[in-house]
Amino acid sequence: MEVKELVLEAMKKAGEPQNAGKIAEITGIDRKQVDKAMAILKAEEVIESPRRCYWQAK
């Protein structure tokens, strides 16, 4: 599985908006990799931000 898929799956499982630090903690993936994956997911419009610095799957 790619990092972005793992990040998206973690967001879906959380059931509420999460920040990049929490996603890194949940998945065990390095924070920089999580940030890169989230940038890709944002560009693909797969995730959205209901409030500043918190993200969730659409």
N, C-alpha and C. Protein backbone atom coordinates (compact mmCIF):
# COMPACT_ATOMS: atom_id res chain seq x y z
N MET A 1 0.83 -1.19 0.00
CA MET A 1 0.00 0.00 0.00
C MET A 1 0.88 1.25 0.00
N GLU A 2 0.45 2.25 -0.75
CA GLU A 2 1.18 3.51 -0.78
C GLU A 2 0.91 4.30 0.48
N VAL A 3 1.80 5.23 0.77
CA VAL A 3 1.66 6.07 1.96
C VAL A 3 0.35 6.84 1.92
N LYS A 4 0.01 7.40 0.76
CA LYS A 4 -1.22 8.20 0.69
C LYS A 4 -2.45 7.35 0.96
N GLU A 5 -2.43 6.09 0.54
CA GLU A 5 -3.55 5.19 0.81
C GLU A 5 -3.66 4.89 2.30
N LEU A 6 -2.52 4.71 2.95
CA LEU A 6 -2.51 4.46 4.39
C LEU A 6 -3.02 5.68 5.16
N VAL A 7 -2.63 6.87 4.71
CA VAL A 7 -3.07 8.11 5.36
C VAL A 7 -4.58 8.26 5.20
N LEU A 8 -5.08 8.03 4.00
CA LEU A 8 -6.52 8.15 3.75
C LEU A 8 -7.30 7.13 4.57
N GLU A 9 -6.80 5.91 4.65
CA GLU A 9 -7.46 4.87 5.43
C GLU A 9 -7.50 5.25 6.91
N ALA A 10 -6.41 5.81 7.42
CA ALA A 10 -6.37 6.23 8.83
C ALA A 10 -7.38 7.34 9.09
N MET A 11 -7.53 8.26 8.14
CA MET A 11 -8.51 9.34 8.28
C MET A 11 -9.93 8.79 8.33
N LYS A 12 -10.20 7.83 7.47
CA LYS A 12 -11.54 7.23 7.43
C LYS A 12 -11.84 6.47 8.72
N LYS A 13 -10.86 5.75 9.23
CA LYS A 13 -11.05 4.98 10.46
C LYS A 13 -11.23 5.88 11.68
N ALA A 14 -10.57 7.03 11.68
CA ALA A 14 -10.65 7.95 12.82
C ALA A 14 -12.08 8.46 13.00
N GLY A 15 -12.78 8.69 11.89
CA GLY A 15 -14.15 9.14 11.97
C GLY A 15 -14.34 10.61 12.33
N GLU A 16 -13.24 11.31 12.54
CA GLU A 16 -13.30 12.74 12.83
C GLU A 16 -12.05 13.39 12.27
N PRO A 17 -12.08 14.70 12.03
CA PRO A 17 -10.91 15.38 11.47
C PRO A 17 -9.65 15.18 12.32
N GLN A 18 -8.53 14.95 11.64
CA GLN A 18 -7.25 14.73 12.31
C GLN A 18 -6.20 15.66 11.71
N ASN A 19 -5.18 15.99 12.50
CA ASN A 19 -4.07 16.77 11.96
C ASN A 19 -2.96 15.80 11.52
N ALA A 20 -1.98 16.31 10.81
CA ALA A 20 -0.91 15.47 10.27
C ALA A 20 -0.13 14.76 11.37
N GLY A 21 0.09 15.42 12.48
CA GLY A 21 0.82 14.80 13.60
C GLY A 21 0.10 13.59 14.15
N LYS A 22 -1.21 13.69 14.27
CA LYS A 22 -2.00 12.57 14.79
C LYS A 22 -2.02 11.42 13.80
N ILE A 23 -2.12 11.74 12.50
CA ILE A 23 -2.09 10.70 11.47
C ILE A 23 -0.74 9.98 11.50
N ALA A 24 0.34 10.73 11.66
CA ALA A 24 1.68 10.13 11.74
C ALA A 24 1.76 9.20 12.94
N GLU A 25 1.19 9.63 14.06
CA GLU A 25 1.19 8.82 15.29
C GLU A 25 0.38 7.54 15.10
N ILE A 26 -0.79 7.65 14.49
CA ILE A 26 -1.67 6.50 14.29
C ILE A 26 -1.03 5.47 13.36
N THR A 27 -0.46 5.95 12.25
CA THR A 27 0.06 5.04 11.23
C THR A 27 1.49 4.59 11.46
N GLY A 28 2.25 5.37 12.24
CA GLY A 28 3.66 5.05 12.44
C GLY A 28 4.53 5.51 11.28
N ILE A 29 3.96 6.32 10.40
CA ILE A 29 4.69 6.86 9.24
C ILE A 29 5.32 8.18 9.64
N ASP A 30 6.50 8.46 9.10
CA ASP A 30 7.20 9.71 9.38
C ASP A 30 6.33 10.91 9.01
N ARG A 31 6.36 11.95 9.83
CA ARG A 31 5.52 13.14 9.64
C ARG A 31 5.73 13.78 8.26
N LYS A 32 6.96 13.83 7.78
CA LYS A 32 7.23 14.44 6.47
C LYS A 32 6.55 13.66 5.35
N GLN A 33 6.54 12.34 5.46
CA GLN A 33 5.86 11.51 4.46
C GLN A 33 4.35 11.72 4.52
N VAL A 34 3.82 11.88 5.74
CA VAL A 34 2.39 12.14 5.91
C VAL A 34 2.04 13.47 5.27
N ASP A 35 2.85 14.50 5.50
CA ASP A 35 2.61 15.82 4.91
C ASP A 35 2.59 15.74 3.38
N LYS A 36 3.54 15.00 2.80
CA LYS A 36 3.59 14.85 1.34
C LYS A 36 2.34 14.13 0.82
N ALA A 37 1.95 13.06 1.51
CA ALA A 37 0.77 12.30 1.11
C ALA A 37 -0.49 13.17 1.20
N MET A 38 -0.58 13.97 2.25
CA MET A 38 -1.74 14.84 2.41
C MET A 38 -1.78 15.92 1.33
N ALA A 39 -0.63 16.40 0.91
CA ALA A 39 -0.58 17.38 -0.18
C ALA A 39 -1.12 16.77 -1.47
N ILE A 40 -0.77 15.54 -1.73
CA ILE A 40 -1.27 14.84 -2.92
C ILE A 40 -2.78 14.64 -2.81
N LEU A 41 -3.23 14.20 -1.64
CA LEU A 41 -4.66 13.97 -1.43
C LEU A 41 -5.46 15.27 -1.56
N LYS A 42 -4.89 16.37 -1.07
CA LYS A 42 -5.55 17.68 -1.22
C LYS A 42 -5.65 18.05 -2.70
N ALA A 43 -4.58 17.86 -3.45
CA ALA A 43 -4.57 18.18 -4.87
C ALA A 43 -5.57 17.33 -5.64
N GLU A 44 -5.75 16.09 -5.21
CA GLU A 44 -6.71 15.18 -5.85
C GLU A 44 -8.14 15.43 -5.35
N GLU A 45 -8.28 16.33 -4.39
CA GLU A 45 -9.56 16.68 -3.77
C GLU A 45 -10.25 15.48 -3.13
N VAL A 46 -9.46 14.65 -2.46
CA VAL A 46 -9.97 13.48 -1.77
C VAL A 46 -10.22 13.78 -0.30
N ILE A 47 -9.50 14.79 0.22
CA ILE A 47 -9.69 15.20 1.61
C ILE A 47 -10.09 16.68 1.66
N GLU A 48 -10.69 17.05 2.78
CA GLU A 48 -11.11 18.43 2.97
C GLU A 48 -10.78 18.87 4.39
N SER A 49 -10.76 20.18 4.58
CA SER A 49 -10.43 20.73 5.89
C SER A 49 -11.65 21.45 6.48
N PRO A 50 -12.29 20.83 7.48
CA PRO A 50 -13.44 21.48 8.12
C PRO A 50 -13.02 22.62 9.05
N ARG A 51 -11.78 22.57 9.52
CA ARG A 51 -11.22 23.65 10.33
C ARG A 51 -9.70 23.65 10.14
N ARG A 52 -9.11 24.74 10.47
CA ARG A 52 -7.68 24.93 10.19
C ARG A 52 -6.81 23.80 10.77
N CYS A 53 -5.96 23.26 9.91
CA CYS A 53 -4.97 22.23 10.25
C CYS A 53 -5.57 20.85 10.54
N TYR A 54 -6.83 20.67 10.36
CA TYR A 54 -7.48 19.37 10.55
C TYR A 54 -8.10 18.92 9.24
N TRP A 55 -7.93 17.66 8.93
CA TRP A 55 -8.36 17.13 7.65
C TRP A 55 -9.20 15.87 7.82
N GLN A 56 -10.09 15.65 6.86
CA GLN A 56 -10.90 14.45 6.85
C GLN A 56 -11.16 14.03 5.42
N ALA A 57 -11.52 12.75 5.24
CA ALA A 57 -11.85 12.24 3.91
C ALA A 57 -13.20 12.80 3.50
N LYS A 58 -13.35 13.06 2.21
CA LYS A 58 -14.64 13.56 1.70
C LYS A 58 -15.64 12.45 1.64
